Structures are given as C-alpha cells and as structure tokens.
C-alpha cells in the first residue's frame, strides 16, 4: 500500500512502520482510537451522579482551580513596586528636594500595561513625578522608574500619594508621600555689575556689609551654586 513503509532490522524482520499521515491520517486515528477503547474496555465505569458529586466537592473545586491556573498562567499579569512610601523630611517652602525614586516591575508572565501614573491626595500640588515608563507597556520581567520631588507650598506636614493604574489584578498600586514644609529664606537677585549699597567687588573678593535686620545666610550664583560660605 502506498504511503506505508516497513522498517526492518539486519535480519530482515519488520520492527517498525512509517505511515504517510497525509494519505492515511484518518485510518491511523481510527486505529489509535480502537487501541485505546480496547485497553479501557474492562475499566470500571463511573456513574454520572458520582461525576457530578466530585465536581461540586472540595476536590472538584481544587481541580477546577488547577485547570484555570494552568490555562491562565501564560497570560498572568502582575506588578510590584520597590517601595510603598517616600518620606522627604524637612524642606524649605518654595524649594525643591532632590528626587527620590520607585521602581515598578512587571513581575508576571505577560506584558503589563500601565494606563496612568498620577499624583493624588490632599497636597498633591506639592509633589511632582516623572517616569521612564514610556508608552505604558512593560515587558514581563522588565521595569521602569518613577522619580518624585517635593516642593512645599506652605509650612507644616504635607501628604499625597502616587497612584499607578494598570491591568494587573492588584491594580492600583499606591505609594504614600510625606514631607514637612519649613520657613525658607528670601532671595534677592542682582544683575552682574549692579551692586546695591553695602556690596562691593574688587575683582577678587565680594564684600558685603549688612545694615539690615535679617542675617545673610549664603550667596548663590545664578546657577544655584553657593559662592560664599554659610554664613558668609
């Protein structure tokens, strides 16, 4: 028969058979089904009532859960964050702290889709965030970083939170933010060559004479760099 070839050993005995499934696939399936049916012919059958009882029992529930876990495992989405809170401590009102960061990781077996990263809460205007999460898609096992700064607009305790919303079952994730605003200092700016009374420059040194009632705590260049010790 075409499409069927026997494999023989060195003595010419038939030890295996090769079957062209394109020509005889249906026959092979019938043959295989027949073998299975024959091998199970003497097995004891299970009444339908027993099958129903097993399905609604604790054993059935556990089995169903296992089946669902196997089916859903290739598509499991999960998210984790490296910190659930950031504390900025004391900061002069109107000035911005150095950034603190939180890493968001796609810890499941499927890509994570972040739909929003937002600052929320009572003093949300005092905190700002930037992130490297791009278009919001994080491949399984990869991460992105959220950087947060604190610029108190008033003195006292300031609170807010970062809310990360995505398609993981644990969404949203919340990162609490706290900081304390304290009284700052007044900054007075003068252009190069425009020295007020009490300030002089001899080409090497800047001379300051303070005739006011407030202390001069530091002198800063336009870049923010300190150009005189504290106090000067």
C-alpha atoms as a PDB file:
ATOM      1  CA  UNK A   1       0.000   0.000   0.000  1.00  0.00           C
ATOM      2  CA  UNK A   2       1.425   3.363  -0.987  1.00  0.00           C
ATOM      3  CA  UNK A   3       2.305   5.671   1.878  1.00  0.00           C
ATOM      4  CA  UNK A   4       3.145   2.803   4.255  1.00  0.00           C
ATOM      5  CA  UNK A   5       6.704   1.504   4.603  1.00  0.00           C
ATOM      6  CA  UNK A   6       8.083  -1.108   6.974  1.00  0.00           C
ATOM      7  CA  UNK A   7      11.437  -0.707   8.720  1.00  0.00           C
ATOM      8  CA  UNK A   8      13.419  -3.949   9.055  1.00  0.00           C
ATOM      9  CA  UNK A   9      16.420  -4.939  11.113  1.00  0.00           C
ATOM     10  CA  UNK A  10      19.639  -6.588   9.880  1.00  0.00           C
ATOM     11  CA  UNK A  11      17.845  -9.959   9.708  1.00  0.00           C
ATOM     12  CA  UNK A  12      15.026  -8.596   7.583  1.00  0.00           C
ATOM     13  CA  UNK A  13      12.484  -8.662  10.385  1.00  0.00           C
ATOM     14  CA  UNK A  14       9.865  -5.887  10.448  1.00  0.00           C
ATOM     15  CA  UNK A  15      10.452  -3.785  13.545  1.00  0.00           C
ATOM     16  CA  UNK A  16       8.633  -0.510  12.767  1.00  0.00           C
ATOM     17  CA  UNK A  17       6.307   1.093  10.283  1.00  0.00           C
ATOM     18  CA  UNK A  18       6.327   4.524   8.631  1.00  0.00           C
ATOM     19  CA  UNK A  19       2.930   5.947   7.681  1.00  0.00           C
ATOM     20  CA  UNK A  20       2.292   8.950   5.449  1.00  0.00           C
ATOM     21  CA  UNK A  21      -0.222  10.902   7.579  1.00  0.00           C
ATOM     22  CA  UNK A  22      -1.332  12.967   4.601  1.00  0.00           C
ATOM     23  CA  UNK A  23      -2.638   9.804   2.958  1.00  0.00           C
ATOM     24  CA  UNK A  24      -3.595   7.633   5.918  1.00  0.00           C
ATOM     25  CA  UNK A  25      -4.035  10.068   8.828  1.00  0.00           C
ATOM     26  CA  UNK A  26      -7.735   9.264   9.286  1.00  0.00           C
ATOM     27  CA  UNK A  27      -7.067   5.499   9.326  1.00  0.00           C
ATOM     28  CA  UNK A  28      -4.302   5.943  11.883  1.00  0.00           C
ATOM     29  CA  UNK A  29      -6.631   7.934  14.141  1.00  0.00           C
ATOM     30  CA  UNK A  30      -9.280   5.193  13.867  1.00  0.00           C
ATOM     31  CA  UNK A  31      -6.677   2.557  14.649  1.00  0.00           C
ATOM     32  CA  UNK A  32      -5.373   4.503  17.652  1.00  0.00           C
ATOM     33  CA  UNK A  33      -8.887   5.108  18.978  1.00  0.00           C
ATOM     34  CA  UNK A  34      -9.556   1.406  18.659  1.00  0.00           C
ATOM     35  CA  UNK A  35      -6.455   0.535  20.666  1.00  0.00           C
ATOM     36  CA  UNK A  36      -7.439   2.951  23.443  1.00  0.00           C
ATOM     37  CA  UNK A  37     -11.005   1.627  23.528  1.00  0.00           C
ATOM     38  CA  UNK A  38      -9.804  -1.959  23.713  1.00  0.00           C
ATOM     39  CA  UNK A  39      -7.316  -1.177  26.502  1.00  0.00           C
ATOM     40  CA  UNK A  40     -10.032   0.518  28.577  1.00  0.00           C
ATOM     41  CA  UNK A  41     -12.833  -1.942  27.785  1.00  0.00           C
ATOM     42  CA  UNK A  42     -12.561  -3.699  31.143  1.00  0.00           C
ATOM     43  CA  UNK A  43     -12.233  -0.495  33.223  1.00  0.00           C
ATOM     44  CA  UNK A  44     -14.982   0.106  35.734  1.00  0.00           C
ATOM     45  CA  UNK A  45     -17.262   2.938  34.662  1.00  0.00           C
ATOM     46  CA  UNK A  46     -18.065   5.923  36.904  1.00  0.00           C
ATOM     47  CA  UNK A  47     -21.770   6.749  37.344  1.00  0.00           C
ATOM     48  CA  UNK A  48     -22.777  10.215  36.143  1.00  0.00           C
ATOM     49  CA  UNK A  49     -24.068  11.014  39.619  1.00  0.00           C
ATOM     50  CA  UNK A  50     -20.622  10.385  41.082  1.00  0.00           C
ATOM     51  CA  UNK A  51     -19.020  12.651  38.466  1.00  0.00           C
ATOM     52  CA  UNK A  52     -21.410  15.478  39.370  1.00  0.00           C
ATOM     53  CA  UNK A  53     -20.765  15.000  43.085  1.00  0.00           C
ATOM     54  CA  UNK A  54     -16.996  15.091  42.549  1.00  0.00           C
ATOM     55  CA  UNK A  55     -17.234  18.304  40.535  1.00  0.00           C
ATOM     56  CA  UNK A  56     -19.097  20.190  43.260  1.00  0.00           C
ATOM     57  CA  UNK A  57     -16.959  18.776  46.084  1.00  0.00           C
ATOM     58  CA  UNK A  58     -13.846  20.393  47.508  1.00  0.00           C
ATOM     59  CA  UNK A  59     -11.823  18.052  45.332  1.00  0.00           C
ATOM     60  CA  UNK A  60     -13.658  19.257  42.252  1.00  0.00           C
ATOM     61  CA  UNK A  61     -13.179  22.901  43.170  1.00  0.00           C
ATOM     62  CA  UNK A  62      -9.466  22.330  43.696  1.00  0.00           C
ATOM     63  CA  UNK A  63      -9.208  20.531  40.362  1.00  0.00           C
ATOM     64  CA  UNK A  64     -11.071  23.339  38.601  1.00  0.00           C
ATOM     65  CA  UNK A  65      -8.745  25.892  40.187  1.00  0.00           C
ATOM     66  CA  UNK A  66      -5.727  23.919  38.997  1.00  0.00           C
ATOM     67  CA  UNK A  67      -7.119  23.761  35.488  1.00  0.00           C
ATOM     68  CA  UNK A  68      -7.729  27.515  35.438  1.00  0.00           C
ATOM     69  CA  UNK A  69      -4.240  28.191  36.778  1.00  0.00           C
ATOM     70  CA  UNK A  70      -2.715  26.114  34.002  1.00  0.00           C
ATOM     71  CA  UNK A  71      -4.830  27.840  31.363  1.00  0.00           C
ATOM     72  CA  UNK A  72      -4.194  31.369  32.647  1.00  0.00           C
ATOM     73  CA  UNK A  73      -0.513  31.002  33.600  1.00  0.00           C
ATOM     74  CA  UNK A  74       0.794  32.100  30.164  1.00  0.00           C
ATOM     75  CA  UNK A  75      -1.217  35.330  30.484  1.00  0.00           C
ATOM     76  CA  UNK A  76      -0.737  36.235  34.153  1.00  0.00           C
ATOM     77  CA  UNK A  77      -0.177  39.958  34.718  1.00  0.00           C
ATOM     78  CA  UNK A  78       1.375  41.143  37.990  1.00  0.00           C
ATOM     79  CA  UNK A  79       3.068  44.260  39.261  1.00  0.00           C
ATOM     80  CA  UNK A  80       5.407  45.058  42.137  1.00  0.00           C
ATOM     81  CA  UNK A  81       6.913  48.311  43.422  1.00  0.00           C
ATOM     82  CA  UNK A  82      10.232  48.720  45.210  1.00  0.00           C
ATOM     83  CA  UNK A  83       8.744  50.987  47.904  1.00  0.00           C
ATOM     84  CA  UNK A  84       5.243  51.761  49.153  1.00  0.00           C
ATOM     85  CA  UNK A  85       6.161  55.107  50.736  1.00  0.00           C
ATOM     86  CA  UNK A  86       8.591  58.010  50.289  1.00  0.00           C
ATOM     87  CA  UNK A  87       9.479  60.437  53.091  1.00  0.00           C
ATOM     88  CA  UNK A  88      11.161  63.738  52.170  1.00  0.00           C
ATOM     89  CA  UNK A  89      11.661  65.152  55.678  1.00  0.00           C
ATOM     90  CA  UNK A  90      12.014  68.919  56.241  1.00  0.00           C
ATOM     91  CA  UNK A  91      12.234  71.203  53.225  1.00  0.00           C
ATOM     92  CA  UNK A  92      12.187  75.000  52.973  1.00  0.00           C
ATOM     93  CA  UNK A  93       8.932  76.239  51.485  1.00  0.00           C
ATOM     94  CA  UNK A  94       9.282  77.058  47.813  1.00  0.00           C
ATOM     95  CA  UNK A  95      12.432  74.988  47.275  1.00  0.00           C
ATOM     96  CA  UNK A  96      12.579  71.590  45.576  1.00  0.00           C
ATOM     97  CA  UNK A  97      14.199  68.482  47.035  1.00  0.00           C
ATOM     98  CA  UNK A  98      16.433  66.049  45.224  1.00  0.00           C
ATOM     99  CA  UNK A  99      14.319  63.327  43.581  1.00  0.00           C
ATOM    100  CA  UNK A 100      13.515  60.001  45.195  1.00  0.00           C
ATOM    101  CA  UNK A 101      12.615  57.023  43.025  1.00  0.00           C
ATOM    102  CA  UNK A 102      10.432  53.923  42.991  1.00  0.00           C
ATOM    103  CA  UNK A 103      10.912  51.009  40.573  1.00  0.00           C
ATOM    104  CA  UNK A 104       7.826  49.420  39.026  1.00  0.00           C
ATOM    105  CA  UNK A 105       8.354  45.842  37.820  1.00  0.00           C
ATOM    106  CA  UNK A 106       6.209  43.648  35.577  1.00  0.00           C
ATOM    107  CA  UNK A 107       6.511  40.538  37.767  1.00  0.00           C
ATOM    108  CA  UNK A 108       4.038  38.325  35.909  1.00  0.00           C
ATOM    109  CA  UNK A 109       4.393  36.131  32.835  1.00  0.00           C
ATOM    110  CA  UNK A 110       2.693  38.586  30.485  1.00  0.00           C
ATOM    111  CA  UNK A 111       3.374  42.203  29.495  1.00  0.00           C
ATOM    112  CA  UNK A 112       1.994  44.867  31.840  1.00  0.00           C
ATOM    113  CA  UNK A 113       0.004  47.821  30.512  1.00  0.00           C
ATOM    114  CA  UNK A 114       0.150  50.939  32.724  1.00  0.00           C
ATOM    115  CA  UNK A 115      -2.777  53.246  31.968  1.00  0.00           C
ATOM    116  CA  UNK A 116      -1.870  56.120  34.319  1.00  0.00           C
ATOM    117  CA  UNK A 117       0.638  57.358  36.895  1.00  0.00           C
ATOM    118  CA  UNK A 118      -0.769  60.285  38.871  1.00  0.00           C
ATOM    119  CA  UNK A 119      -0.093  62.334  41.995  1.00  0.00           C
ATOM    120  CA  UNK A 120      -3.234  62.436  44.132  1.00  0.00           C
ATOM    121  CA  UNK A 121      -4.204  63.463  47.637  1.00  0.00           C
ATOM    122  CA  UNK A 122      -4.535  66.464  49.932  1.00  0.00           C
ATOM    123  CA  UNK A 123      -1.292  68.234  48.981  1.00  0.00           C
ATOM    124  CA  UNK A 124      -0.775  66.782  45.503  1.00  0.00           C
ATOM    125  CA  UNK A 125       0.420  70.174  44.186  1.00  0.00           C
ATOM    126  CA  UNK A 126       3.480  69.929  46.460  1.00  0.00           C
ATOM    127  CA  UNK A 127       4.773  66.770  44.775  1.00  0.00           C
ATOM    128  CA  UNK A 128       5.743  66.103  41.164  1.00  0.00           C
ATOM    129  CA  UNK A 129       6.649  62.940  39.305  1.00  0.00           C
ATOM    130  CA  UNK A 130       8.435  61.950  36.117  1.00  0.00           C
ATOM    131  CA  UNK A 131       8.855  58.379  34.881  1.00  0.00           C
ATOM    132  CA  UNK A 132      10.576  56.145  32.353  1.00  0.00           C
ATOM    133  CA  UNK A 133       7.523  54.002  31.704  1.00  0.00           C
ATOM    134  CA  UNK A 134       7.238  55.334  28.146  1.00  0.00           C
ATOM    135  CA  UNK A 135       4.056  54.256  26.369  1.00  0.00           C
ATOM    136  CA  UNK A 136       2.924  52.315  29.404  1.00  0.00           C
ATOM    137  CA  UNK A 137       3.876  48.814  28.232  1.00  0.00           C
ATOM    138  CA  UNK A 138       6.381  46.925  30.400  1.00  0.00           C
ATOM    139  CA  UNK A 139       7.515  43.525  29.144  1.00  0.00           C
ATOM    140  CA  UNK A 140       7.374  40.614  31.588  1.00  0.00           C
ATOM    141  CA  UNK A 141      10.374  40.798  33.920  1.00  0.00           C
ATOM    142  CA  UNK A 142      11.267  44.380  32.935  1.00  0.00           C
ATOM    143  CA  UNK A 143      10.979  47.588  34.998  1.00  0.00           C
ATOM    144  CA  UNK A 144      10.559  51.342  34.792  1.00  0.00           C
ATOM    145  CA  UNK A 145      11.320  54.099  37.315  1.00  0.00           C
ATOM    146  CA  UNK A 146       9.135  56.817  38.834  1.00  0.00           C
ATOM    147  CA  UNK A 147      11.054  59.845  40.214  1.00  0.00           C
ATOM    148  CA  UNK A 148       9.336  62.128  42.734  1.00  0.00           C
ATOM    149  CA  UNK A 149      10.272  65.596  44.069  1.00  0.00           C
ATOM    150  CA  UNK A 150       8.835  67.652  46.929  1.00  0.00           C
ATOM    151  CA  UNK A 151       8.329  71.443  46.772  1.00  0.00           C
ATOM    152  CA  UNK A 152       6.271  72.543  49.778  1.00  0.00           C
ATOM    153  CA  UNK A 153       3.937  75.446  49.119  1.00  0.00           C
ATOM    154  CA  UNK A 154       3.371  76.038  52.831  1.00  0.00           C
ATOM    155  CA  UNK A 155       4.842  75.085  56.191  1.00  0.00           C
ATOM    156  CA  UNK A 156       3.730  72.019  58.116  1.00  0.00           C
ATOM    157  CA  UNK A 157       3.132  68.386  57.206  1.00  0.00           C
ATOM    158  CA  UNK A 158       2.313  67.791  53.549  1.00  0.00           C
ATOM    159  CA  UNK A 159       0.915  64.498  52.244  1.00  0.00           C
ATOM    160  CA  UNK A 160      -0.068  62.961  48.905  1.00  0.00           C
ATOM    161  CA  UNK A 161       0.344  59.693  47.029  1.00  0.00           C
ATOM    162  CA  UNK A 162       1.403  58.259  43.688  1.00  0.00           C
ATOM    163  CA  UNK A 163      -1.334  56.103  42.130  1.00  0.00           C
ATOM    164  CA  UNK A 164      -0.219  53.572  39.494  1.00  0.00           C
ATOM    165  CA  UNK A 165      -3.100  52.088  37.481  1.00  0.00           C
ATOM    166  CA  UNK A 166      -2.566  49.113  35.173  1.00  0.00           C
ATOM    167  CA  UNK A 167      -4.144  45.851  34.021  1.00  0.00           C
ATOM    168  CA  UNK A 168      -2.722  43.682  36.830  1.00  0.00           C
ATOM    169  CA  UNK A 169      -5.159  42.127  39.291  1.00  0.00           C
ATOM    170  CA  UNK A 170      -3.583  44.112  42.160  1.00  0.00           C
ATOM    171  CA  UNK A 171      -4.171  47.485  40.451  1.00  0.00           C
ATOM    172  CA  UNK A 172      -3.985  50.233  41.524  1.00  0.00           C
ATOM    173  CA  UNK A 173      -0.746  50.390  43.474  1.00  0.00           C
ATOM    174  CA  UNK A 174      -0.389  53.345  45.877  1.00  0.00           C
ATOM    175  CA  UNK A 175       2.848  54.937  47.101  1.00  0.00           C
ATOM    176  CA  UNK A 176       2.356  57.338  50.015  1.00  0.00           C
ATOM    177  CA  UNK A 177       4.291  60.633  50.027  1.00  0.00           C
ATOM    178  CA  UNK A 178       5.111  62.766  53.071  1.00  0.00           C
ATOM    179  CA  UNK A 179       7.204  65.849  53.746  1.00  0.00           C
ATOM    180  CA  UNK A 180       7.313  68.844  56.044  1.00  0.00           C
ATOM    181  CA  UNK A 181       7.490  72.425  54.834  1.00  0.00           C
ATOM    182  CA  UNK A 182       9.559  74.783  56.979  1.00  0.00           C
ATOM    183  CA  UNK A 183      10.141  78.537  56.807  1.00  0.00           C
ATOM    184  CA  UNK A 184      12.548  79.347  53.986  1.00  0.00           C
ATOM    185  CA  UNK A 185      14.618  82.423  53.204  1.00  0.00           C
ATOM    186  CA  UNK A 186      14.139  85.432  50.996  1.00  0.00           C
ATOM    187  CA  UNK A 187      16.194  85.504  47.812  1.00  0.00           C
ATOM    188  CA  UNK A 188      17.266  88.859  46.364  1.00  0.00           C
ATOM    189  CA  UNK A 189      18.826  88.845  42.879  1.00  0.00           C
ATOM    190  CA  UNK A 190      21.108  91.475  41.335  1.00  0.00           C
ATOM    191  CA  UNK A 191      22.484  91.572  37.763  1.00  0.00           C
ATOM    192  CA  UNK A 192      26.211  91.448  37.129  1.00  0.00           C
ATOM    193  CA  UNK A 193      27.622  94.940  37.756  1.00  0.00           C
ATOM    194  CA  UNK A 194      24.523  96.033  39.646  1.00  0.00           C
ATOM    195  CA  UNK A 195      25.663  96.123  43.243  1.00  0.00           C
ATOM    196  CA  UNK A 196      23.326  97.625  45.886  1.00  0.00           C
ATOM    197  CA  UNK A 197      24.602  99.677  48.781  1.00  0.00           C
ATOM    198  CA  UNK A 198      26.681  97.508  51.088  1.00  0.00           C
ATOM    199  CA  UNK A 199      28.060  95.175  48.365  1.00  0.00           C
ATOM    200  CA  UNK A 200      31.349  95.778  46.543  1.00  0.00           C
ATOM    201  CA  UNK A 201      33.584  93.750  44.236  1.00  0.00           C
ATOM    202  CA  UNK A 202      37.312  94.424  43.949  1.00  0.00           C
ATOM    203  CA  UNK A 203      37.994  91.973  41.134  1.00  0.00           C
ATOM    204  CA  UNK A 204      38.862  89.154  43.525  1.00  0.00           C
ATOM    205  CA  UNK A 205      36.545  89.349  46.534  1.00  0.00           C
ATOM    206  CA  UNK A 206      32.893  90.262  47.051  1.00  0.00           C
ATOM    207  CA  UNK A 207      32.444  92.476  50.101  1.00  0.00           C
ATOM    208  CA  UNK A 208      29.101  92.509  51.911  1.00  0.00           C
ATOM    209  CA  UNK A 209      28.031  94.952  54.598  1.00  0.00           C
ATOM    210  CA  UNK A 210      24.721  94.017  56.180  1.00  0.00           C
ATOM    211  CA  UNK A 211      22.898  97.036  57.574  1.00  0.00           C
ATOM    212  CA  UNK A 212      19.515  95.300  57.721  1.00  0.00           C
ATOM    213  CA  UNK A 213      17.773  93.386  60.491  1.00  0.00           C
ATOM    214  CA  UNK A 214      17.952  89.950  58.798  1.00  0.00           C
ATOM    215  CA  UNK A 215      21.011  87.720  58.527  1.00  0.00           C
ATOM    216  CA  UNK A 216      22.691  86.960  55.207  1.00  0.00           C
ATOM    217  CA  UNK A 217      22.986  83.166  55.220  1.00  0.00           C
ATOM    218  CA  UNK A 218      24.522  82.469  51.823  1.00  0.00           C
ATOM    219  CA  UNK A 219      25.266  83.917  48.396  1.00  0.00           C
ATOM    220  CA  UNK A 220      24.319  81.992  45.279  1.00  0.00           C
ATOM    221  CA  UNK A 221      25.279  82.300  41.630  1.00  0.00           C
ATOM    222  CA  UNK A 222      22.519  82.354  39.011  1.00  0.00           C
ATOM    223  CA  UNK A 223      23.164  78.629  38.524  1.00  0.00           C
ATOM    224  CA  UNK A 224      22.261  77.966  42.155  1.00  0.00           C
ATOM    225  CA  UNK A 225      25.859  77.226  43.196  1.00  0.00           C
ATOM    226  CA  UNK A 226      26.974  78.663  46.548  1.00  0.00           C
ATOM    227  CA  UNK A 227      29.637  81.347  46.057  1.00  0.00           C
ATOM    228  CA  UNK A 228      30.086  82.244  49.718  1.00  0.00           C
ATOM    229  CA  UNK A 229      30.254  80.097  52.868  1.00  0.00           C
ATOM    230  CA  UNK A 230      27.341  79.738  55.268  1.00  0.00           C
ATOM    231  CA  UNK A 231      27.106  82.116  56.998  1.00  0.00           C
ATOM    232  CA  UNK A 232      29.177  84.437  54.859  1.00  0.00           C
END
